[in-house]
Structures are given as C-alpha cells and as structure tokens.
Amino acid sequence: MKLLGQESYLLLLQMNLIVVQKIIKVEYFVRNYIKVRHPIERGLIMKRKLIIFILLVAASLAMGCTSYSNSGQTATPANETTTSPTNGTPAMTTESMTVEVSIQNFAFNPQSVTISSGDTVKWTNFDSVSHTVAGADFASDALKNGDSFSHTFTETGTYNYHCSIHHSMTGMVIVE
C-alpha cells in the first residue's frame, strides 16, 4: 500500500472540509426555511404526522380488540328431527351439522375436525389439480377444482383420511 504524501493528505483534508461546510449550509438553510419562512407549512406537517400516528394507533387497537378465527369449519344444519313428548317430557331437537373442509394448496384445511355422531363432513377442492378423499370406510372419485365430496359419520371414533393422489395430504375426523 502506498502512503499518501503530505500534499495529497492536505488536499484530502480540504475536500473533506468543503463537504462538511456544504452539509452545514444545507442544514442551516433547511432549518431556517422551515422555521422562518413557512410556519404554517411546518404546522401542517406536524398535524399530518399526528393524524397518521393517531390512525395507526386506532387501527392497531381495532385489530387487537377483534378476534378473527377462521378455522375453515362452517356448520350448517342438514336436517332436523323432532321427537314428540310421550310422558310429559319436553320434545328433544337434534340437528345434524355439515362441517366444511377446504382442499387448498395441497392440504386439507382444517386438517382435523371434531364432530358429533350423525354429522356430515363436506370436502371441497379449491386447487387447480385433482385430489381425492380416501379413508378406511369411504372414498371419493377424483375431485376437480370446485368439486365436493360429503360423508356422514354415524359411529364414534377417529377416522384418518388422505389424498390417494398426493399421499402427503392427510387429515382426521374425530366423531364424539
């Protein structure tokens, strides 16, 4: 590495001094321009910053106070049966539910659902490729985009299922 001579060193110092002086002049101009010539503009900038800050705080509070839970399960009544009272006991109403599972991004969503005996699970394919739903007691044909398959579970237990085309896709239905 070659050492700089005294003249080169002085030249570098002068250049640095000029740069620092220009920075100070620009900073001085900006400070005085905003403070002296445009106090209204300075006030508007501060008001804008305050409004943006208040909006950000309000938005974060609103997001923190709301609870968003999208587990992919939507329950819809399938049918309703009513038993008539026989000896003065009130009528009992049982509704079977349909729980929806979406097939999206090569996954079942939700991967696990818990239902009651007599409920139905409906799988709908939202992927652009075909998938299947196959368990020990049930199996669908190939489901194209938008196709659905439903199965009603009448016995309690745990039912594992998978896509027979893409074996890494697995899911579970727990019937209580």
N, C-alpha and C. Protein backbone atom coordinates (compact mmCIF):
# COMPACT_ATOMS: atom_id res chain seq x y z
N MET A 1 0.84 -1.17 0.00
CA MET A 1 0.00 0.00 0.00
C MET A 1 0.89 1.23 0.00
N LYS A 2 0.59 2.17 -0.85
CA LYS A 2 1.39 3.37 -0.99
C LYS A 2 0.88 4.44 -0.05
N LEU A 3 1.76 5.04 0.72
CA LEU A 3 1.37 6.10 1.64
C LEU A 3 1.17 7.40 0.87
N LEU A 4 0.21 8.19 1.33
CA LEU A 4 -0.04 9.46 0.68
C LEU A 4 1.02 10.46 1.09
N GLY A 5 1.39 11.28 0.18
CA GLY A 5 2.33 12.34 0.50
C GLY A 5 1.64 13.44 1.27
N GLN A 6 2.41 14.38 1.77
CA GLN A 6 1.86 15.46 2.58
C GLN A 6 0.90 16.31 1.75
N GLU A 7 1.20 16.54 0.49
CA GLU A 7 0.33 17.35 -0.37
C GLU A 7 -1.00 16.64 -0.61
N SER A 8 -0.95 15.35 -0.86
CA SER A 8 -2.19 14.60 -1.08
C SER A 8 -3.03 14.58 0.18
N TYR A 9 -2.38 14.46 1.31
CA TYR A 9 -3.09 14.44 2.58
C TYR A 9 -3.79 15.78 2.82
N LEU A 10 -3.11 16.89 2.55
CA LEU A 10 -3.72 18.21 2.72
C LEU A 10 -4.88 18.41 1.75
N LEU A 11 -4.72 17.93 0.54
CA LEU A 11 -5.79 18.04 -0.45
C LEU A 11 -7.04 17.27 0.01
N LEU A 12 -6.84 16.08 0.56
CA LEU A 12 -7.96 15.31 1.09
C LEU A 12 -8.64 16.03 2.24
N LEU A 13 -7.87 16.62 3.13
CA LEU A 13 -8.44 17.37 4.25
C LEU A 13 -9.27 18.55 3.76
N GLN A 14 -8.78 19.26 2.75
CA GLN A 14 -9.52 20.40 2.20
C GLN A 14 -10.84 19.94 1.58
N MET A 15 -10.80 18.84 0.87
CA MET A 15 -12.03 18.33 0.25
C MET A 15 -13.05 17.93 1.32
N ASN A 16 -12.59 17.28 2.36
CA ASN A 16 -13.49 16.90 3.45
C ASN A 16 -14.07 18.13 4.13
N LEU A 17 -13.27 19.16 4.32
CA LEU A 17 -13.73 20.39 4.93
C LEU A 17 -14.79 21.05 4.08
N ILE A 18 -14.60 21.06 2.76
CA ILE A 18 -15.59 21.65 1.85
C ILE A 18 -16.91 20.88 1.92
N VAL A 19 -16.84 19.57 1.95
CA VAL A 19 -18.06 18.75 2.03
C VAL A 19 -18.79 19.04 3.33
N VAL A 20 -18.07 19.11 4.44
CA VAL A 20 -18.70 19.38 5.74
C VAL A 20 -19.33 20.76 5.73
N GLN A 21 -18.67 21.76 5.16
CA GLN A 21 -19.22 23.11 5.10
C GLN A 21 -20.51 23.13 4.28
N LYS A 22 -20.54 22.42 3.17
CA LYS A 22 -21.75 22.38 2.35
C LYS A 22 -22.90 21.71 3.09
N ILE A 23 -22.60 20.65 3.83
CA ILE A 23 -23.64 19.98 4.61
C ILE A 23 -24.20 20.93 5.66
N ILE A 24 -23.33 21.68 6.32
CA ILE A 24 -23.78 22.62 7.34
C ILE A 24 -24.63 23.71 6.71
N LYS A 25 -24.25 24.22 5.54
CA LYS A 25 -25.04 25.25 4.86
C LYS A 25 -26.42 24.73 4.48
N VAL A 26 -26.48 23.53 3.96
CA VAL A 26 -27.78 22.95 3.58
C VAL A 26 -28.65 22.76 4.81
N GLU A 27 -28.08 22.25 5.88
CA GLU A 27 -28.84 22.03 7.10
C GLU A 27 -29.35 23.36 7.65
N TYR A 28 -28.50 24.40 7.64
CA TYR A 28 -28.88 25.72 8.13
C TYR A 28 -30.02 26.27 7.28
N PHE A 29 -29.91 26.14 5.96
CA PHE A 29 -30.94 26.63 5.05
C PHE A 29 -32.28 25.93 5.32
N VAL A 30 -32.24 24.62 5.47
CA VAL A 30 -33.47 23.86 5.69
C VAL A 30 -34.12 24.26 7.01
N ARG A 31 -33.31 24.37 8.06
CA ARG A 31 -33.87 24.77 9.36
C ARG A 31 -34.50 26.14 9.31
N ASN A 32 -33.79 27.11 8.75
CA ASN A 32 -34.31 28.47 8.70
C ASN A 32 -35.47 28.60 7.73
N TYR A 33 -35.43 27.89 6.64
CA TYR A 33 -36.50 27.97 5.65
C TYR A 33 -37.81 27.47 6.26
N ILE A 34 -37.76 26.37 6.97
CA ILE A 34 -38.98 25.82 7.56
C ILE A 34 -39.44 26.65 8.74
N LYS A 35 -38.53 27.10 9.59
CA LYS A 35 -38.91 27.84 10.79
C LYS A 35 -39.37 29.26 10.48
N VAL A 36 -38.64 29.98 9.65
CA VAL A 36 -38.89 31.40 9.47
C VAL A 36 -39.87 31.67 8.34
N ARG A 37 -39.66 31.06 7.20
CA ARG A 37 -40.44 31.46 6.03
C ARG A 37 -41.80 30.79 5.95
N HIS A 38 -41.96 29.58 6.49
CA HIS A 38 -43.22 28.86 6.34
C HIS A 38 -43.67 28.22 7.64
N PRO A 39 -44.04 29.00 8.63
CA PRO A 39 -44.50 28.38 9.88
C PRO A 39 -45.82 27.63 9.69
N ILE A 40 -46.66 28.08 8.77
CA ILE A 40 -47.93 27.39 8.52
C ILE A 40 -47.65 26.01 7.94
N GLU A 41 -46.72 25.97 7.01
CA GLU A 41 -46.36 24.69 6.40
C GLU A 41 -45.80 23.73 7.45
N ARG A 42 -44.98 24.25 8.36
CA ARG A 42 -44.42 23.43 9.43
C ARG A 42 -45.53 22.88 10.32
N GLY A 43 -46.51 23.70 10.61
CA GLY A 43 -47.64 23.26 11.43
C GLY A 43 -48.46 22.19 10.72
N LEU A 44 -48.65 22.34 9.42
CA LEU A 44 -49.41 21.34 8.66
C LEU A 44 -48.68 20.00 8.64
N ILE A 45 -47.37 20.04 8.52
CA ILE A 45 -46.59 18.80 8.53
C ILE A 45 -46.75 18.11 9.86
N MET A 46 -46.69 18.87 10.95
CA MET A 46 -46.84 18.29 12.28
C MET A 46 -48.25 17.71 12.45
N LYS A 47 -49.27 18.42 11.94
CA LYS A 47 -50.64 17.91 12.04
C LYS A 47 -50.80 16.62 11.25
N ARG A 48 -50.20 16.55 10.07
CA ARG A 48 -50.28 15.33 9.27
C ARG A 48 -49.63 14.16 10.01
N LYS A 49 -48.46 14.42 10.59
CA LYS A 49 -47.78 13.36 11.34
C LYS A 49 -48.63 12.90 12.51
N LEU A 50 -49.27 13.84 13.21
CA LEU A 50 -50.11 13.50 14.35
C LEU A 50 -51.32 12.68 13.90
N ILE A 51 -51.94 13.08 12.79
CA ILE A 51 -53.11 12.36 12.28
C ILE A 51 -52.71 10.94 11.87
N ILE A 52 -51.58 10.79 11.19
CA ILE A 52 -51.12 9.46 10.78
C ILE A 52 -50.85 8.60 12.00
N PHE A 53 -50.22 9.19 13.02
CA PHE A 53 -49.93 8.45 14.25
C PHE A 53 -51.22 8.00 14.93
N ILE A 54 -52.20 8.89 15.02
CA ILE A 54 -53.48 8.54 15.66
C ILE A 54 -54.18 7.44 14.88
N LEU A 55 -54.16 7.52 13.54
CA LEU A 55 -54.80 6.48 12.73
C LEU A 55 -54.11 5.13 12.91
N LEU A 56 -52.78 5.13 12.98
CA LEU A 56 -52.06 3.87 13.19
C LEU A 56 -52.38 3.26 14.55
N VAL A 57 -52.46 4.10 15.58
CA VAL A 57 -52.80 3.60 16.92
C VAL A 57 -54.22 3.05 16.93
N ALA A 58 -55.16 3.78 16.31
CA ALA A 58 -56.55 3.32 16.27
C ALA A 58 -56.67 2.01 15.50
N ALA A 59 -55.95 1.89 14.39
CA ALA A 59 -56.02 0.65 13.60
C ALA A 59 -55.44 -0.52 14.38
N SER A 60 -54.33 -0.29 15.06
CA SER A 60 -53.74 -1.40 15.82
C SER A 60 -54.62 -1.79 17.00
N LEU A 61 -55.28 -0.81 17.63
CA LEU A 61 -56.22 -1.14 18.71
C LEU A 61 -57.42 -1.92 18.17
N ALA A 62 -57.92 -1.50 17.03
CA ALA A 62 -59.07 -2.19 16.44
C ALA A 62 -58.70 -3.62 16.07
N MET A 63 -57.51 -3.82 15.54
CA MET A 63 -57.09 -5.17 15.17
C MET A 63 -56.84 -6.02 16.40
N GLY A 64 -56.37 -5.41 17.47
CA GLY A 64 -56.09 -6.16 18.69
C GLY A 64 -57.35 -6.51 19.45
N CYS A 65 -58.40 -5.70 19.31
CA CYS A 65 -59.64 -5.93 20.06
C CYS A 65 -60.57 -6.91 19.37
N THR A 66 -60.37 -7.13 18.09
CA THR A 66 -61.23 -8.08 17.39
C THR A 66 -60.54 -9.42 17.34
N SER A 67 -61.33 -10.45 17.43
CA SER A 67 -60.75 -11.79 17.33
C SER A 67 -61.24 -12.40 16.03
N TYR A 68 -60.31 -12.74 15.19
CA TYR A 68 -60.63 -13.35 13.91
C TYR A 68 -60.24 -14.81 13.99
N SER A 69 -61.22 -15.67 13.83
CA SER A 69 -60.93 -17.10 13.88
C SER A 69 -61.54 -17.75 12.66
N ASN A 70 -60.70 -18.12 11.72
CA ASN A 70 -61.17 -18.81 10.53
C ASN A 70 -60.51 -20.17 10.49
N SER A 71 -61.16 -21.12 11.12
CA SER A 71 -60.57 -22.45 11.15
C SER A 71 -60.98 -23.27 9.94
N GLY A 72 -61.78 -22.67 9.06
CA GLY A 72 -62.22 -23.40 7.88
C GLY A 72 -63.46 -24.23 8.13
N GLN A 73 -63.95 -24.26 9.37
CA GLN A 73 -65.13 -25.05 9.68
C GLN A 73 -66.34 -24.13 9.64
N THR A 74 -67.32 -24.50 8.87
CA THR A 74 -68.59 -23.81 8.90
C THR A 74 -69.65 -24.87 9.11
N ALA A 75 -70.50 -24.64 10.07
CA ALA A 75 -71.52 -25.62 10.38
C ALA A 75 -72.85 -25.14 9.82
N THR A 76 -73.51 -26.02 9.07
CA THR A 76 -74.82 -25.71 8.54
C THR A 76 -75.75 -26.86 8.87
N PRO A 77 -76.97 -26.55 9.31
CA PRO A 77 -77.89 -27.64 9.63
C PRO A 77 -78.27 -28.42 8.39
N ALA A 78 -78.21 -29.74 8.48
CA ALA A 78 -78.55 -30.59 7.34
C ALA A 78 -80.02 -31.00 7.41
N ASN A 79 -80.43 -31.52 8.54
CA ASN A 79 -81.83 -31.86 8.69
C ASN A 79 -82.18 -31.79 10.17
N GLU A 80 -83.46 -31.71 10.47
CA GLU A 80 -83.89 -31.56 11.84
C GLU A 80 -84.95 -32.62 12.14
N THR A 81 -84.76 -33.32 13.24
CA THR A 81 -85.76 -34.30 13.64
C THR A 81 -86.26 -33.94 15.02
N THR A 82 -87.56 -34.02 15.19
CA THR A 82 -88.17 -33.69 16.47
C THR A 82 -88.92 -34.91 16.95
N THR A 83 -88.67 -35.27 18.20
CA THR A 83 -89.42 -36.38 18.78
C THR A 83 -90.54 -35.81 19.62
N SER A 84 -91.71 -36.37 19.50
CA SER A 84 -92.85 -35.85 20.25
C SER A 84 -92.79 -36.36 21.69
N PRO A 85 -93.25 -35.55 22.63
CA PRO A 85 -93.22 -35.97 24.02
C PRO A 85 -94.21 -37.11 24.26
N THR A 86 -93.77 -38.10 25.04
CA THR A 86 -94.63 -39.24 25.31
C THR A 86 -95.23 -39.19 26.70
N ASN A 87 -94.44 -38.84 27.69
CA ASN A 87 -95.00 -38.84 29.04
C ASN A 87 -94.71 -37.52 29.74
N GLY A 88 -95.01 -36.42 29.09
CA GLY A 88 -94.85 -35.12 29.71
C GLY A 88 -93.44 -34.56 29.65
N THR A 89 -92.53 -35.23 28.97
CA THR A 89 -91.18 -34.68 28.85
C THR A 89 -91.13 -33.77 27.64
N PRO A 90 -90.32 -32.72 27.68
CA PRO A 90 -90.26 -31.81 26.54
C PRO A 90 -89.65 -32.48 25.32
N ALA A 91 -90.02 -31.97 24.15
CA ALA A 91 -89.51 -32.52 22.89
C ALA A 91 -88.02 -32.22 22.76
N MET A 92 -87.27 -33.19 22.23
CA MET A 92 -85.83 -33.00 22.02
C MET A 92 -85.58 -32.77 20.53
N THR A 93 -84.79 -31.78 20.23
CA THR A 93 -84.46 -31.47 18.85
C THR A 93 -82.98 -31.78 18.62
N THR A 94 -82.72 -32.57 17.61
CA THR A 94 -81.33 -32.85 17.27
C THR A 94 -81.10 -32.39 15.85
N GLU A 95 -80.05 -31.66 15.66
CA GLU A 95 -79.70 -31.19 14.33
C GLU A 95 -78.38 -31.82 13.93
N SER A 96 -78.36 -32.38 12.75
CA SER A 96 -77.07 -32.86 12.26
C SER A 96 -76.42 -31.70 11.52
N MET A 97 -75.14 -31.59 11.66
CA MET A 97 -74.40 -30.46 11.10
C MET A 97 -73.54 -30.92 9.93
N THR A 98 -73.22 -29.98 9.07
CA THR A 98 -72.28 -30.23 8.00
C THR A 98 -71.06 -29.36 8.24
N VAL A 99 -69.92 -29.99 8.38
CA VAL A 99 -68.66 -29.27 8.58
C VAL A 99 -67.91 -29.28 7.26
N GLU A 100 -67.45 -28.10 6.85
CA GLU A 100 -66.77 -27.99 5.56
C GLU A 100 -65.26 -27.98 5.74
N VAL A 101 -64.59 -28.75 4.89
CA VAL A 101 -63.13 -28.80 4.86
C VAL A 101 -62.71 -28.40 3.45
N SER A 102 -61.83 -27.41 3.36
CA SER A 102 -61.36 -26.99 2.04
C SER A 102 -60.07 -27.73 1.69
N ILE A 103 -59.93 -28.01 0.41
CA ILE A 103 -58.69 -28.61 -0.11
C ILE A 103 -58.02 -27.50 -0.89
N GLN A 104 -56.90 -27.01 -0.34
CA GLN A 104 -56.25 -25.85 -0.92
C GLN A 104 -54.76 -25.92 -0.66
N ASN A 105 -53.97 -25.56 -1.65
CA ASN A 105 -52.50 -25.56 -1.52
C ASN A 105 -51.98 -26.92 -1.08
N PHE A 106 -52.54 -27.98 -1.65
CA PHE A 106 -52.13 -29.36 -1.37
C PHE A 106 -52.23 -29.68 0.13
N ALA A 107 -53.34 -29.23 0.75
CA ALA A 107 -53.57 -29.52 2.17
C ALA A 107 -55.06 -29.49 2.46
N PHE A 108 -55.47 -30.26 3.47
CA PHE A 108 -56.84 -30.21 3.97
C PHE A 108 -56.88 -29.13 5.05
N ASN A 109 -57.85 -28.23 4.96
CA ASN A 109 -57.94 -27.14 5.93
C ASN A 109 -59.35 -27.03 6.46
N PRO A 110 -59.58 -27.29 7.73
CA PRO A 110 -58.62 -27.67 8.76
C PRO A 110 -58.23 -29.14 8.59
N GLN A 111 -57.07 -29.45 9.11
CA GLN A 111 -56.55 -30.81 8.96
C GLN A 111 -57.30 -31.79 9.86
N SER A 112 -57.82 -31.30 10.98
CA SER A 112 -58.55 -32.16 11.92
C SER A 112 -59.85 -31.48 12.30
N VAL A 113 -60.96 -32.23 12.26
CA VAL A 113 -62.25 -31.70 12.69
C VAL A 113 -62.85 -32.65 13.72
N THR A 114 -63.59 -32.08 14.66
CA THR A 114 -64.30 -32.87 15.66
C THR A 114 -65.78 -32.63 15.47
N ILE A 115 -66.54 -33.72 15.31
CA ILE A 115 -67.97 -33.61 15.05
C ILE A 115 -68.72 -34.58 15.95
N SER A 116 -70.04 -34.49 15.91
CA SER A 116 -70.89 -35.43 16.65
C SER A 116 -71.34 -36.53 15.71
N SER A 117 -71.77 -37.63 16.30
CA SER A 117 -72.28 -38.75 15.51
C SER A 117 -73.49 -38.28 14.71
N GLY A 118 -73.54 -38.62 13.45
CA GLY A 118 -74.63 -38.21 12.57
C GLY A 118 -74.31 -36.96 11.76
N ASP A 119 -73.21 -36.29 12.07
CA ASP A 119 -72.82 -35.10 11.32
C ASP A 119 -72.14 -35.49 10.01
N THR A 120 -72.09 -34.53 9.11
CA THR A 120 -71.51 -34.75 7.78
C THR A 120 -70.30 -33.85 7.60
N VAL A 121 -69.29 -34.37 6.94
CA VAL A 121 -68.13 -33.57 6.55
C VAL A 121 -68.17 -33.44 5.03
N LYS A 122 -68.01 -32.20 4.57
CA LYS A 122 -68.02 -31.92 3.13
C LYS A 122 -66.66 -31.35 2.74
N TRP A 123 -65.96 -32.04 1.86
CA TRP A 123 -64.67 -31.60 1.36
C TRP A 123 -64.88 -30.93 0.01
N THR A 124 -64.29 -29.74 -0.20
CA THR A 124 -64.39 -29.03 -1.47
C THR A 124 -62.98 -28.71 -1.95
N ASN A 125 -62.70 -29.05 -3.22
CA ASN A 125 -61.38 -28.83 -3.80
C ASN A 125 -61.30 -27.42 -4.39
N PHE A 126 -60.36 -26.62 -3.89
CA PHE A 126 -60.11 -25.28 -4.42
C PHE A 126 -58.78 -25.21 -5.17
N ASP A 127 -58.09 -26.34 -5.30
CA ASP A 127 -56.83 -26.38 -6.04
C ASP A 127 -57.11 -26.54 -7.53
N SER A 128 -56.12 -26.19 -8.34
CA SER A 128 -56.28 -26.34 -9.79
C SER A 128 -56.01 -27.77 -10.25
N VAL A 129 -55.51 -28.61 -9.35
CA VAL A 129 -55.27 -30.02 -9.67
C VAL A 129 -56.28 -30.89 -8.95
N SER A 130 -56.45 -32.11 -9.42
CA SER A 130 -57.42 -33.03 -8.82
C SER A 130 -56.87 -33.63 -7.53
N HIS A 131 -57.79 -33.91 -6.60
CA HIS A 131 -57.46 -34.56 -5.34
C HIS A 131 -58.56 -35.58 -5.04
N THR A 132 -58.28 -36.47 -4.09
CA THR A 132 -59.29 -37.41 -3.60
C THR A 132 -59.35 -37.31 -2.09
N VAL A 133 -60.42 -37.86 -1.53
CA VAL A 133 -60.56 -38.01 -0.08
C VAL A 133 -60.80 -39.49 0.15
N ALA A 134 -59.87 -40.16 0.82
CA ALA A 134 -59.98 -41.61 0.99
C ALA A 134 -59.69 -41.98 2.44
N GLY A 135 -60.65 -42.69 3.04
CA GLY A 135 -60.48 -43.23 4.38
C GLY A 135 -60.72 -44.72 4.35
N ALA A 136 -60.72 -45.35 5.51
CA ALA A 136 -60.93 -46.80 5.56
C ALA A 136 -62.35 -47.16 5.15
N ASP A 137 -63.33 -46.30 5.48
CA ASP A 137 -64.74 -46.61 5.21
C ASP A 137 -65.35 -45.77 4.10
N PHE A 138 -64.59 -44.89 3.50
CA PHE A 138 -65.16 -44.01 2.47
C PHE A 138 -64.06 -43.60 1.49
N ALA A 139 -64.47 -43.24 0.28
CA ALA A 139 -63.52 -42.76 -0.74
C ALA A 139 -64.28 -41.97 -1.79
N SER A 140 -63.65 -40.92 -2.26
CA SER A 140 -64.26 -40.11 -3.31
C SER A 140 -63.61 -40.44 -4.64
N ASP A 141 -64.28 -40.02 -5.70
CA ASP A 141 -63.64 -40.04 -7.00
C ASP A 141 -62.68 -38.85 -7.04
N ALA A 142 -61.97 -38.67 -8.13
CA ALA A 142 -61.08 -37.52 -8.27
C ALA A 142 -61.93 -36.24 -8.28
N LEU A 143 -61.58 -35.31 -7.40
CA LEU A 143 -62.30 -34.05 -7.29
C LEU A 143 -61.53 -32.98 -8.05
N LYS A 144 -62.18 -32.40 -9.07
CA LYS A 144 -61.57 -31.30 -9.81
C LYS A 144 -61.84 -30.00 -9.06
N ASN A 145 -61.28 -28.91 -9.55
CA ASN A 145 -61.49 -27.61 -8.92
C ASN A 145 -62.99 -27.31 -8.83
N GLY A 146 -63.47 -27.04 -7.62
CA GLY A 146 -64.87 -26.72 -7.39
C GLY A 146 -65.73 -27.92 -7.02
N ASP A 147 -65.23 -29.15 -7.22
CA ASP A 147 -65.99 -30.35 -6.88
C ASP A 147 -65.98 -30.59 -5.37
N SER A 148 -67.04 -31.26 -4.90
CA SER A 148 -67.17 -31.57 -3.47
C SER A 148 -67.47 -33.04 -3.27
N PHE A 149 -67.18 -33.52 -2.06
CA PHE A 149 -67.50 -34.87 -1.64
C PHE A 149 -67.94 -34.80 -0.19
N SER A 150 -69.04 -35.49 0.14
CA SER A 150 -69.57 -35.48 1.50
C SER A 150 -69.66 -36.90 2.03
N HIS A 151 -69.48 -37.02 3.35
CA HIS A 151 -69.65 -38.30 4.02
C HIS A 151 -70.24 -38.05 5.39
N THR A 152 -71.27 -38.84 5.76
CA THR A 152 -71.90 -38.74 7.07
C THR A 152 -71.31 -39.80 7.98
N PHE A 153 -70.86 -39.38 9.16
CA PHE A 153 -70.24 -40.28 10.12
C PHE A 153 -71.27 -40.65 11.18
N THR A 154 -71.62 -41.94 11.28
CA THR A 154 -72.66 -42.38 12.20
C THR A 154 -72.12 -43.04 13.45
N GLU A 155 -70.87 -43.46 13.44
CA GLU A 155 -70.30 -44.14 14.60
C GLU A 155 -69.15 -43.31 15.16
N THR A 156 -69.04 -43.31 16.51
CA THR A 156 -67.96 -42.57 17.15
C THR A 156 -66.62 -43.24 16.85
N GLY A 157 -65.58 -42.42 16.87
CA GLY A 157 -64.24 -42.94 16.61
C GLY A 157 -63.39 -41.89 15.92
N THR A 158 -62.19 -42.28 15.60
CA THR A 158 -61.26 -41.41 14.88
C THR A 158 -61.04 -41.98 13.49
N TYR A 159 -61.27 -41.15 12.50
CA TYR A 159 -61.17 -41.57 11.11
C TYR A 159 -60.05 -40.78 10.43
N ASN A 160 -59.00 -41.46 10.05
CA ASN A 160 -57.91 -40.83 9.30
C ASN A 160 -58.23 -40.94 7.81
N TYR A 161 -57.86 -39.91 7.06
CA TYR A 161 -58.07 -39.93 5.62
C TYR A 161 -56.88 -39.26 4.93
N HIS A 162 -56.80 -39.45 3.62
CA HIS A 162 -55.70 -38.89 2.85
C HIS A 162 -56.14 -38.69 1.41
N CYS A 163 -55.29 -38.03 0.63
CA CYS A 163 -55.49 -37.91 -0.81
C CYS A 163 -54.72 -39.06 -1.44
N SER A 164 -55.41 -39.91 -2.19
CA SER A 164 -54.73 -41.06 -2.78
C SER A 164 -53.81 -40.66 -3.94
N ILE A 165 -53.94 -39.43 -4.42
CA ILE A 165 -53.06 -38.95 -5.49
C ILE A 165 -51.80 -38.33 -4.89
N HIS A 166 -51.97 -37.58 -3.81
CA HIS A 166 -50.86 -36.90 -3.13
C HIS A 166 -50.82 -37.40 -1.69
N HIS A 167 -50.02 -38.40 -1.43
CA HIS A 167 -50.03 -39.11 -0.15
C HIS A 167 -49.59 -38.26 1.04
N SER A 168 -48.94 -37.13 0.80
CA SER A 168 -48.54 -36.27 1.92
C SER A 168 -49.72 -35.50 2.49
N MET A 169 -50.84 -35.48 1.77
CA MET A 169 -52.03 -34.77 2.24
C MET A 169 -52.83 -35.71 3.14
N THR A 170 -52.90 -35.39 4.43
CA THR A 170 -53.63 -36.23 5.37
C THR A 170 -54.54 -35.37 6.23
N GLY A 171 -55.55 -36.02 6.79
CA GLY A 171 -56.47 -35.34 7.68
C GLY A 171 -57.11 -36.32 8.64
N MET A 172 -57.93 -35.77 9.56
CA MET A 172 -58.54 -36.61 10.58
C MET A 172 -59.92 -36.07 10.94
N VAL A 173 -60.87 -36.99 11.11
CA VAL A 173 -62.20 -36.66 11.61
C VAL A 173 -62.38 -37.39 12.92
N ILE A 174 -62.70 -36.65 13.98
CA ILE A 174 -62.95 -37.24 15.29
C ILE A 174 -64.45 -37.14 15.54
N VAL A 175 -65.10 -38.29 15.70
CA VAL A 175 -66.54 -38.34 15.92
C VAL A 175 -66.77 -38.67 17.39
N GLU A 176 -67.47 -37.77 18.09
CA GLU A 176 -67.73 -37.97 19.52
C GLU A 176 -69.17 -38.36 19.75
